[in-house]
Amino acid sequence: MMTIRQDLDAVDGVLRQTFAIEPFKRDYDTAFSAIAQILHRYGIAENPRNLRFRFILCMQEFFDGIPQDQWRVKDPAFVKQSEDFAIAKFREWVLEQVT
């Protein structure tokens, strides 16, 4: 039997695998469809596109916290930091929906 922690780790893994791929080759539809299937176990019936939009909002929260003139979008470490932040925020959102 899966636990919420294992499912959250699975969501995290799907997102990290997606971001490990070159940006223009990423398959966000497949990634968020897999996440939607995981969340469906908890009665969260979200459309994969809505989940993708929710994730974008998590990413936007990172950028909202930094003045635009300090964005370093060509710096892989900065981009990684934004992805990690968004994954953590998305994970928090999932946990809020489950509890």
PDB file of N, CA and C in Angstrom:
ATOM      1  N   MET A   1       0.845  -1.189   0.000  1.00  0.00           N
ATOM      2  CA  MET A   1       0.000   0.000   0.000  1.00  0.00           C
ATOM      3  C   MET A   1       0.883   1.243   0.000  1.00  0.00           C
ATOM      4  N   MET A   2       0.562   2.167  -0.867  1.00  0.00           N
ATOM      5  CA  MET A   2       1.328   3.416  -0.979  1.00  0.00           C
ATOM      6  C   MET A   2       0.949   4.343   0.173  1.00  0.00           C
ATOM      7  N   THR A   3       1.919   5.107   0.602  1.00  0.00           N
ATOM      8  CA  THR A   3       1.667   6.119   1.617  1.00  0.00           C
ATOM      9  C   THR A   3       1.750   7.485   0.965  1.00  0.00           C
ATOM     10  N   ILE A   4       1.237   8.487   1.641  1.00  0.00           N
ATOM     11  CA  ILE A   4       1.288   9.848   1.100  1.00  0.00           C
ATOM     12  C   ILE A   4       2.738  10.272   0.874  1.00  0.00           C
ATOM     13  N   ARG A   5       3.633   9.884   1.766  1.00  0.00           N
ATOM     14  CA  ARG A   5       5.049  10.262   1.591  1.00  0.00           C
ATOM     15  C   ARG A   5       5.612   9.651   0.318  1.00  0.00           C
ATOM     16  N   GLN A   6       5.291   8.382   0.074  1.00  0.00           N
ATOM     17  CA  GLN A   6       5.772   7.725  -1.142  1.00  0.00           C
ATOM     18  C   GLN A   6       5.187   8.388  -2.389  1.00  0.00           C
ATOM     19  N   ASP A   7       3.909   8.750  -2.304  1.00  0.00           N
ATOM     20  CA  ASP A   7       3.287   9.417  -3.445  1.00  0.00           C
ATOM     21  C   ASP A   7       3.854  10.821  -3.660  1.00  0.00           C
ATOM     22  N   LEU A   8       4.129  11.539  -2.588  1.00  0.00           N
ATOM     23  CA  LEU A   8       4.767  12.849  -2.729  1.00  0.00           C
ATOM     24  C   LEU A   8       6.160  12.708  -3.335  1.00  0.00           C
ATOM     25  N   ASP A   9       6.870  11.678  -2.917  1.00  0.00           N
ATOM     26  CA  ASP A   9       8.186  11.406  -3.502  1.00  0.00           C
ATOM     27  C   ASP A   9       8.057  11.060  -4.987  1.00  0.00           C
ATOM     28  N   ALA A  10       6.989  10.359  -5.336  1.00  0.00           N
ATOM     29  CA  ALA A  10       6.757  10.019  -6.743  1.00  0.00           C
ATOM     30  C   ALA A  10       6.465  11.276  -7.561  1.00  0.00           C
ATOM     31  N   VAL A  11       5.660  12.176  -7.018  1.00  0.00           N
ATOM     32  CA  VAL A  11       5.376  13.455  -7.683  1.00  0.00           C
ATOM     33  C   VAL A  11       6.680  14.222  -7.866  1.00  0.00           C
ATOM     34  N   ASP A  12       7.462  14.290  -6.796  1.00  0.00           N
ATOM     35  CA  ASP A  12       8.764  14.960  -6.832  1.00  0.00           C
ATOM     36  C   ASP A  12       9.648  14.340  -7.923  1.00  0.00           C
ATOM     37  N   GLY A  13       9.670  13.015  -7.982  1.00  0.00           N
ATOM     38  CA  GLY A  13      10.490  12.318  -8.960  1.00  0.00           C
ATOM     39  C   GLY A  13      10.063  12.607 -10.395  1.00  0.00           C
ATOM     40  N   VAL A  14       8.762  12.629 -10.630  1.00  0.00           N
ATOM     41  CA  VAL A  14       8.252  12.938 -11.967  1.00  0.00           C
ATOM     42  C   VAL A  14       8.715  14.330 -12.390  1.00  0.00           C
ATOM     43  N   LEU A  15       8.591  15.291 -11.481  1.00  0.00           N
ATOM     44  CA  LEU A  15       8.993  16.655 -11.814  1.00  0.00           C
ATOM     45  C   LEU A  15      10.503  16.754 -12.038  1.00  0.00           C
ATOM     46  N   ARG A  16      11.264  16.127 -11.185  1.00  0.00           N
ATOM     47  CA  ARG A  16      12.730  16.185 -11.336  1.00  0.00           C
ATOM     48  C   ARG A  16      13.189  15.496 -12.626  1.00  0.00           C
ATOM     49  N   GLN A  17      12.565  14.382 -12.970  1.00  0.00           N
ATOM     50  CA  GLN A  17      12.912  13.710 -14.225  1.00  0.00           C
ATOM     51  C   GLN A  17      12.582  14.605 -15.414  1.00  0.00           C
ATOM     52  N   THR A  18      11.461  15.291 -15.319  1.00  0.00           N
ATOM     53  CA  THR A  18      11.058  16.187 -16.403  1.00  0.00           C
ATOM     54  C   THR A  18      12.063  17.309 -16.569  1.00  0.00           C
ATOM     55  N   PHE A  19      12.492  17.899 -15.454  1.00  0.00           N
ATOM     56  CA  PHE A  19      13.429  19.019 -15.540  1.00  0.00           C
ATOM     57  C   PHE A  19      14.845  18.577 -15.884  1.00  0.00           C
ATOM     58  N   ALA A  20      15.125  17.301 -15.781  1.00  0.00           N
ATOM     59  CA  ALA A  20      16.449  16.802 -16.161  1.00  0.00           C
ATOM     60  C   ALA A  20      16.614  16.751 -17.682  1.00  0.00           C
ATOM     61  N   ILE A  21      15.494  16.809 -18.381  1.00  0.00           N
ATOM     62  CA  ILE A  21      15.507  16.767 -19.841  1.00  0.00           C
ATOM     63  C   ILE A  21      15.716  18.178 -20.384  1.00  0.00           C
ATOM     64  N   GLU A  22      16.366  18.256 -21.531  1.00  0.00           N
ATOM     65  CA  GLU A  22      16.575  19.543 -22.202  1.00  0.00           C
ATOM     66  C   GLU A  22      15.224  20.260 -22.342  1.00  0.00           C
ATOM     67  N   PRO A  23      15.162  21.570 -22.032  1.00  0.00           N
ATOM     68  CA  PRO A  23      13.877  22.281 -21.975  1.00  0.00           C
ATOM     69  C   PRO A  23      12.943  22.078 -23.164  1.00  0.00           C
ATOM     70  N   PHE A  24      13.427  22.121 -24.372  1.00  0.00           N
ATOM     71  CA  PHE A  24      12.520  22.023 -25.519  1.00  0.00           C
ATOM     72  C   PHE A  24      12.101  20.590 -25.833  1.00  0.00           C
ATOM     73  N   LYS A  25      12.639  19.631 -25.107  1.00  0.00           N
ATOM     74  CA  LYS A  25      12.287  18.229 -25.323  1.00  0.00           C
ATOM     75  C   LYS A  25      11.426  17.667 -24.196  1.00  0.00           C
ATOM     76  N   ARG A  26      11.086  18.488 -23.242  1.00  0.00           N
ATOM     77  CA  ARG A  26      10.298  18.027 -22.091  1.00  0.00           C
ATOM     78  C   ARG A  26       8.865  17.720 -22.502  1.00  0.00           C
ATOM     79  N   ASP A  27       8.313  16.688 -21.899  1.00  0.00           N
ATOM     80  CA  ASP A  27       6.931  16.287 -22.165  1.00  0.00           C
ATOM     81  C   ASP A  27       6.102  16.583 -20.915  1.00  0.00           C
ATOM     82  N   TYR A  28       5.672  17.815 -20.810  1.00  0.00           N
ATOM     83  CA  TYR A  28       4.911  18.233 -19.641  1.00  0.00           C
ATOM     84  C   TYR A  28       3.554  17.541 -19.565  1.00  0.00           C
ATOM     85  N   ASP A  29       2.945  17.261 -20.709  1.00  0.00           N
ATOM     86  CA  ASP A  29       1.631  16.600 -20.695  1.00  0.00           C
ATOM     87  C   ASP A  29       1.716  15.229 -20.034  1.00  0.00           C
ATOM     88  N   THR A  30       2.730  14.469 -20.392  1.00  0.00           N
ATOM     89  CA  THR A  30       2.903  13.138 -19.796  1.00  0.00           C
ATOM     90  C   THR A  30       3.228  13.256 -18.308  1.00  0.00           C
ATOM     91  N   ALA A  31       4.093  14.198 -17.959  1.00  0.00           N
ATOM     92  CA  ALA A  31       4.478  14.372 -16.557  1.00  0.00           C
ATOM     93  C   ALA A  31       3.272  14.720 -15.685  1.00  0.00           C
ATOM     94  N   PHE A  32       2.484  15.697 -16.111  1.00  0.00           N
ATOM     95  CA  PHE A  32       1.356  16.112 -15.281  1.00  0.00           C
ATOM     96  C   PHE A  32       0.189  15.130 -15.353  1.00  0.00           C
ATOM     97  N   SER A  33       0.129  14.319 -16.405  1.00  0.00           N
ATOM     98  CA  SER A  33      -0.855  13.228 -16.439  1.00  0.00           C
ATOM     99  C   SER A  33      -0.503  12.183 -15.388  1.00  0.00           C
ATOM    100  N   ALA A  34       0.789  11.872 -15.267  1.00  0.00           N
ATOM    101  CA  ALA A  34       1.232  10.918 -14.243  1.00  0.00           C
ATOM    102  C   ALA A  34       0.942  11.452 -12.850  1.00  0.00           C
ATOM    103  N   ILE A  35       1.173  12.740 -12.650  1.00  0.00           N
ATOM    104  CA  ILE A  35       0.890  13.355 -11.346  1.00  0.00           C
ATOM    105  C   ILE A  35      -0.611  13.331 -11.067  1.00  0.00           C
ATOM    106  N   ALA A  36      -1.421  13.599 -12.089  1.00  0.00           N
ATOM    107  CA  ALA A  36      -2.882  13.570 -11.917  1.00  0.00           C
ATOM    108  C   ALA A  36      -3.346  12.181 -11.481  1.00  0.00           C
ATOM    109  N   GLN A  37      -2.735  11.132 -12.034  1.00  0.00           N
ATOM    110  CA  GLN A  37      -3.095   9.769 -11.648  1.00  0.00           C
ATOM    111  C   GLN A  37      -2.742   9.500 -10.189  1.00  0.00           C
ATOM    112  N   ILE A  38      -1.610  10.008  -9.745  1.00  0.00           N
ATOM    113  CA  ILE A  38      -1.212   9.837  -8.341  1.00  0.00           C
ATOM    114  C   ILE A  38      -2.201  10.561  -7.437  1.00  0.00           C
ATOM    115  N   LEU A  39      -2.549  11.786  -7.785  1.00  0.00           N
ATOM    116  CA  LEU A  39      -3.449  12.581  -6.940  1.00  0.00           C
ATOM    117  C   LEU A  39      -4.867  12.031  -6.930  1.00  0.00           C
ATOM    118  N   HIS A  40      -5.245  11.364  -8.007  1.00  0.00           N
ATOM    119  CA  HIS A  40      -6.591  10.787  -8.085  1.00  0.00           C
ATOM    120  C   HIS A  40      -6.823   9.768  -6.967  1.00  0.00           C
ATOM    121  N   ARG A  41      -5.758   9.122  -6.509  1.00  0.00           N
ATOM    122  CA  ARG A  41      -5.881   8.164  -5.392  1.00  0.00           C
ATOM    123  C   ARG A  41      -6.409   8.824  -4.126  1.00  0.00           C
ATOM    124  N   TYR A  42      -6.236  10.134  -4.034  1.00  0.00           N
ATOM    125  CA  TYR A  42      -6.642  10.876  -2.836  1.00  0.00           C
ATOM    126  C   TYR A  42      -7.909  11.692  -3.083  1.00  0.00           C
ATOM    127  N   GLY A  43      -8.582  11.401  -4.175  1.00  0.00           N
ATOM    128  CA  GLY A  43      -9.819  12.101  -4.481  1.00  0.00           C
ATOM    129  C   GLY A  43      -9.597  13.471  -5.089  1.00  0.00           C
ATOM    130  N   ILE A  44      -8.390  13.753  -5.518  1.00  0.00           N
ATOM    131  CA  ILE A  44      -8.086  15.031  -6.163  1.00  0.00           C
ATOM    132  C   ILE A  44      -8.196  14.788  -7.665  1.00  0.00           C
ATOM    133  N   ALA A  45      -9.308  15.214  -8.235  1.00  0.00           N
ATOM    134  CA  ALA A  45      -9.565  14.986  -9.654  1.00  0.00           C
ATOM    135  C   ALA A  45      -9.223  16.259 -10.417  1.00  0.00           C
ATOM    136  N   GLU A  46      -7.953  16.459 -10.653  1.00  0.00           N
ATOM    137  CA  GLU A  46      -7.478  17.646 -11.365  1.00  0.00           C
ATOM    138  C   GLU A  46      -7.075  17.275 -12.781  1.00  0.00           C
ATOM    139  N   ASN A  47      -7.417  18.124 -13.692  1.00  0.00           N
ATOM    140  CA  ASN A  47      -6.985  18.010 -15.071  1.00  0.00           C
ATOM    141  C   ASN A  47      -5.478  18.236 -15.124  1.00  0.00           C
ATOM    142  N   PRO A  48      -4.727  17.439 -15.899  1.00  0.00           N
ATOM    143  CA  PRO A  48      -3.272  17.637 -15.975  1.00  0.00           C
ATOM    144  C   PRO A  48      -2.868  19.053 -16.364  1.00  0.00           C
ATOM    145  N   ARG A  49      -3.632  19.690 -17.215  1.00  0.00           N
ATOM    146  CA  ARG A  49      -3.317  21.079 -17.601  1.00  0.00           C
ATOM    147  C   ARG A  49      -3.488  22.024 -16.424  1.00  0.00           C
ATOM    148  N   ASN A  50      -4.486  21.771 -15.598  1.00  0.00           N
ATOM    149  CA  ASN A  50      -4.662  22.605 -14.404  1.00  0.00           C
ATOM    150  C   ASN A  50      -3.499  22.410 -13.436  1.00  0.00           C
ATOM    151  N   LEU A  51      -3.031  21.168 -13.327  1.00  0.00           N
ATOM    152  CA  LEU A  51      -1.878  20.901 -12.467  1.00  0.00           C
ATOM    153  C   LEU A  51      -0.637  21.611 -12.997  1.00  0.00           C
ATOM    154  N   ARG A  52      -0.481  21.598 -14.306  1.00  0.00           N
ATOM    155  CA  ARG A  52       0.652  22.300 -14.910  1.00  0.00           C
ATOM    156  C   ARG A  52       0.554  23.793 -14.622  1.00  0.00           C
ATOM    157  N   PHE A  53      -0.631  24.355 -14.728  1.00  0.00           N
ATOM    158  CA  PHE A  53      -0.830  25.773 -14.418  1.00  0.00           C
ATOM    159  C   PHE A  53      -0.535  26.042 -12.941  1.00  0.00           C
ATOM    160  N   ARG A  54      -0.977  25.156 -12.063  1.00  0.00           N
ATOM    161  CA  ARG A  54      -0.694  25.286 -10.627  1.00  0.00           C
ATOM    162  C   ARG A  54       0.814  25.308 -10.400  1.00  0.00           C
ATOM    163  N   PHE A  55       1.540  24.438 -11.111  1.00  0.00           N
ATOM    164  CA  PHE A  55       2.995  24.401 -10.979  1.00  0.00           C
ATOM    165  C   PHE A  55       3.620  25.706 -11.469  1.00  0.00           C
ATOM    166  N   ILE A  56       3.098  26.229 -12.557  1.00  0.00           N
ATOM    167  CA  ILE A  56       3.595  27.513 -13.069  1.00  0.00           C
ATOM    168  C   ILE A  56       3.403  28.606 -12.025  1.00  0.00           C
ATOM    169  N   LEU A  57       2.296  28.579 -11.322  1.00  0.00           N
ATOM    170  CA  LEU A  57       2.071  29.565 -10.247  1.00  0.00           C
ATOM    171  C   LEU A  57       3.102  29.408  -9.133  1.00  0.00           C
ATOM    172  N   CYS A  58       3.475  28.169  -8.841  1.00  0.00           N
ATOM    173  CA  CYS A  58       4.522  27.925  -7.841  1.00  0.00           C
ATOM    174  C   CYS A  58       5.855  28.497  -8.322  1.00  0.00           C
ATOM    175  N   MET A  59       6.140  28.317  -9.590  1.00  0.00           N
ATOM    176  CA  MET A  59       7.363  28.865 -10.171  1.00  0.00           C
ATOM    177  C   MET A  59       7.319  30.395 -10.136  1.00  0.00           C
ATOM    178  N   GLN A  60       6.153  30.956 -10.446  1.00  0.00           N
ATOM    179  CA  GLN A  60       6.006  32.410 -10.446  1.00  0.00           C
ATOM    180  C   GLN A  60       6.254  32.987  -9.056  1.00  0.00           C
ATOM    181  N   GLU A  61       5.871  32.254  -8.037  1.00  0.00           N
ATOM    182  CA  GLU A  61       6.101  32.708  -6.664  1.00  0.00           C
ATOM    183  C   GLU A  61       7.592  32.910  -6.404  1.00  0.00           C
ATOM    184  N   PHE A  62       8.418  32.045  -6.952  1.00  0.00           N
ATOM    185  CA  PHE A  62       9.870  32.207  -6.818  1.00  0.00           C
ATOM    186  C   PHE A  62      10.314  33.527  -7.443  1.00  0.00           C
ATOM    187  N   PHE A  63       9.872  33.763  -8.669  1.00  0.00           N
ATOM    188  CA  PHE A  63      10.304  34.964  -9.383  1.00  0.00           C
ATOM    189  C   PHE A  63       9.708  36.234  -8.790  1.00  0.00           C
ATOM    190  N   ASP A  64       8.518  36.140  -8.220  1.00  0.00           N
ATOM    191  CA  ASP A  64       7.916  37.312  -7.567  1.00  0.00           C
ATOM    192  C   ASP A  64       8.724  37.763  -6.362  1.00  0.00           C
ATOM    193  N   GLY A  65       9.462  36.853  -5.754  1.00  0.00           N
ATOM    194  CA  GLY A  65      10.244  37.177  -4.564  1.00  0.00           C
ATOM    195  C   GLY A  65      11.605  37.786  -4.869  1.00  0.00           C
ATOM    196  N   ILE A  66      11.918  37.946  -6.146  1.00  0.00           N
ATOM    197  CA  ILE A  66      13.227  38.463  -6.549  1.00  0.00           C
ATOM    198  C   ILE A  66      13.007  39.610  -7.530  1.00  0.00           C
ATOM    199  N   PRO A  67      13.649  40.752  -7.317  1.00  0.00           N
ATOM    200  CA  PRO A  67      13.520  41.842  -8.295  1.00  0.00           C
ATOM    201  C   PRO A  67      13.953  41.361  -9.690  1.00  0.00           C
ATOM    202  N   GLN A  68      13.215  41.777 -10.685  1.00  0.00           N
ATOM    203  CA  GLN A  68      13.443  41.276 -12.042  1.00  0.00           C
ATOM    204  C   GLN A  68      14.868  41.533 -12.533  1.00  0.00           C
ATOM    205  N   ASP A  69      15.475  42.610 -12.095  1.00  0.00           N
ATOM    206  CA  ASP A  69      16.840  42.895 -12.553  1.00  0.00           C
ATOM    207  C   ASP A  69      17.868  41.940 -11.944  1.00  0.00           C
ATOM    208  N   GLN A  70      17.419  41.101 -11.011  1.00  0.00           N
ATOM    209  CA  GLN A  70      18.315  40.112 -10.407  1.00  0.00           C
ATOM    210  C   GLN A  70      18.079  38.700 -10.933  1.00  0.00           C
ATOM    211  N   TRP A  71      17.151  38.547 -11.853  1.00  0.00           N
ATOM    212  CA  TRP A  71      16.907  37.246 -12.452  1.00  0.00           C
ATOM    213  C   TRP A  71      18.101  36.882 -13.322  1.00  0.00           C
ATOM    214  N   ARG A  72      18.577  35.669 -13.167  1.00  0.00           N
ATOM    215  CA  ARG A  72      19.715  35.184 -13.959  1.00  0.00           C
ATOM    216  C   ARG A  72      19.269  33.930 -14.716  1.00  0.00           C
ATOM    217  N   VAL A  73      18.367  34.115 -15.654  1.00  0.00           N
ATOM    218  CA  VAL A  73      17.745  32.980 -16.329  1.00  0.00           C
ATOM    219  C   VAL A  73      18.707  32.201 -17.219  1.00  0.00           C
ATOM    220  N   LYS A  74      19.860  32.723 -17.489  1.00  0.00           N
ATOM    221  CA  LYS A  74      20.860  31.979 -18.273  1.00  0.00           C
ATOM    222  C   LYS A  74      21.842  31.239 -17.372  1.00  0.00           C
ATOM    223  N   ASP A  75      21.702  31.412 -16.070  1.00  0.00           N
ATOM    224  CA  ASP A  75      22.561  30.750 -15.092  1.00  0.00           C
ATOM    225  C   ASP A  75      21.899  29.439 -14.669  1.00  0.00           C
ATOM    226  N   PRO A  76      22.499  28.298 -15.011  1.00  0.00           N
ATOM    227  CA  PRO A  76      21.887  26.998 -14.676  1.00  0.00           C
ATOM    228  C   PRO A  76      21.616  26.826 -13.183  1.00  0.00           C
ATOM    229  N   ALA A  77      22.468  27.369 -12.327  1.00  0.00           N
ATOM    230  CA  ALA A  77      22.252  27.242 -10.875  1.00  0.00           C
ATOM    231  C   ALA A  77      21.006  28.014 -10.445  1.00  0.00           C
ATOM    232  N   PHE A  78      20.801  29.184 -11.020  1.00  0.00           N
ATOM    233  CA  PHE A  78      19.622  29.996 -10.702  1.00  0.00           C
ATOM    234  C   PHE A  78      18.354  29.294 -11.186  1.00  0.00           C
ATOM    235  N   VAL A  79      18.404  28.774 -12.400  1.00  0.00           N
ATOM    236  CA  VAL A  79      17.253  28.060 -12.955  1.00  0.00           C
ATOM    237  C   VAL A  79      16.938  26.836 -12.096  1.00  0.00           C
ATOM    238  N   LYS A  80      17.958  26.105 -11.694  1.00  0.00           N
ATOM    239  CA  LYS A  80      17.783  24.930 -10.824  1.00  0.00           C
ATOM    240  C   LYS A  80      17.144  25.341  -9.506  1.00  0.00           C
ATOM    241  N   GLN A  81      17.593  26.477  -8.963  1.00  0.00           N
ATOM    242  CA  GLN A  81      17.028  26.982  -7.710  1.00  0.00           C
ATOM    243  C   GLN A  81      15.535  27.281  -7.886  1.00  0.00           C
ATOM    244  N   SER A  82      15.162  27.874  -9.012  1.00  0.00           N
ATOM    245  CA  SER A  82      13.746  28.177  -9.252  1.00  0.00           C
ATOM    246  C   SER A  82      12.933  26.893  -9.382  1.00  0.00           C
ATOM    247  N   GLU A  83      13.498  25.883 -10.049  1.00  0.00           N
ATOM    248  CA  GLU A  83      12.806  24.605 -10.206  1.00  0.00           C
ATOM    249  C   GLU A  83      12.630  23.919  -8.852  1.00  0.00           C
ATOM    250  N   ASP A  84      13.683  23.906  -8.050  1.00  0.00           N
ATOM    251  CA  ASP A  84      13.602  23.279  -6.721  1.00  0.00           C
ATOM    252  C   ASP A  84      12.562  23.971  -5.850  1.00  0.00           C
ATOM    253  N   PHE A  85      12.530  25.290  -5.911  1.00  0.00           N
ATOM    254  CA  PHE A  85      11.551  26.063  -5.144  1.00  0.00           C
ATOM    255  C   PHE A  85      10.134  25.683  -5.577  1.00  0.00           C
ATOM    256  N   ALA A  86       9.919  25.671  -6.898  1.00  0.00           N
ATOM    257  CA  ALA A  86       8.586  25.370  -7.419  1.00  0.00           C
ATOM    258  C   ALA A  86       8.153  23.941  -7.070  1.00  0.00           C
ATOM    259  N   ILE A  87       9.069  23.002  -7.140  1.00  0.00           N
ATOM    260  CA  ILE A  87       8.747  21.620  -6.780  1.00  0.00           C
ATOM    261  C   ILE A  87       8.348  21.539  -5.312  1.00  0.00           C
ATOM    262  N   ALA A  88       9.083  22.224  -4.453  1.00  0.00           N
ATOM    263  CA  ALA A  88       8.762  22.220  -3.018  1.00  0.00           C
ATOM    264  C   ALA A  88       7.389  22.847  -2.770  1.00  0.00           C
ATOM    265  N   LYS A  89       7.118  23.963  -3.439  1.00  0.00           N
ATOM    266  CA  LYS A  89       5.814  24.634  -3.267  1.00  0.00           C
ATOM    267  C   LYS A  89       4.678  23.772  -3.805  1.00  0.00           C
ATOM    268  N   PHE A  90       4.902  23.118  -4.928  1.00  0.00           N
ATOM    269  CA  PHE A  90       3.881  22.245  -5.501  1.00  0.00           C
ATOM    270  C   PHE A  90       3.617  21.076  -4.563  1.00  0.00           C
ATOM    271  N   ARG A  91       4.660  20.547  -4.014  1.00  0.00           N
ATOM    272  CA  ARG A  91       4.539  19.456  -3.053  1.00  0.00           C
ATOM    273  C   ARG A  91       3.714  19.899  -1.838  1.00  0.00           C
ATOM    274  N   GLU A  92       3.969  21.113  -1.356  1.00  0.00           N
ATOM    275  CA  GLU A  92       3.183  21.659  -0.236  1.00  0.00           C
ATOM    276  C   GLU A  92       1.717  21.774  -0.621  1.00  0.00           C
ATOM    277  N   TRP A  93       1.460  22.236  -1.844  1.00  0.00           N
ATOM    278  CA  TRP A  93       0.084  22.377  -2.303  1.00  0.00           C
ATOM    279  C   TRP A  93      -0.603  21.006  -2.321  1.00  0.00           C
ATOM    280  N   VAL A  94       0.088  19.992  -2.843  1.00  0.00           N
ATOM    281  CA  VAL A  94      -0.482  18.643  -2.875  1.00  0.00           C
ATOM    282  C   VAL A  94      -0.811  18.194  -1.455  1.00  0.00           C
ATOM    283  N   LEU A  95       0.108  18.388  -0.539  1.00  0.00           N
ATOM    284  CA  LEU A  95      -0.117  17.978   0.844  1.00  0.00           C
ATOM    285  C   LEU A  95      -1.315  18.694   1.452  1.00  0.00           C
ATOM    286  N   GLU A  96      -1.485  19.979   1.147  1.00  0.00           N
ATOM    287  CA  GLU A  96      -2.652  20.729   1.634  1.00  0.00           C
ATOM    288  C   GLU A  96      -3.950  20.140   1.091  1.00  0.00           C
ATOM    289  N   GLN A  97      -3.926  19.688  -0.149  1.00  0.00           N
ATOM    290  CA  GLN A  97      -5.129  19.124  -0.775  1.00  0.00           C
ATOM    291  C   GLN A  97      -5.497  17.776  -0.172  1.00  0.00           C
ATOM    292  N   VAL A  98      -4.483  17.041   0.244  1.00  0.00           N
ATOM    293  CA  VAL A  98      -4.698  15.687   0.769  1.00  0.00           C
ATOM    294  C   VAL A  98      -5.168  15.730   2.217  1.00  0.00           C
ATOM    295  N   THR A  99      -4.664  16.685   2.976  1.00  0.00           N
ATOM    296  CA  THR A  99      -5.001  16.718   4.407  1.00  0.00           C
ATOM    297  C   THR A  99      -6.200  17.574   4.709  1.00  0.00           C
TER     298      THR A  99
END
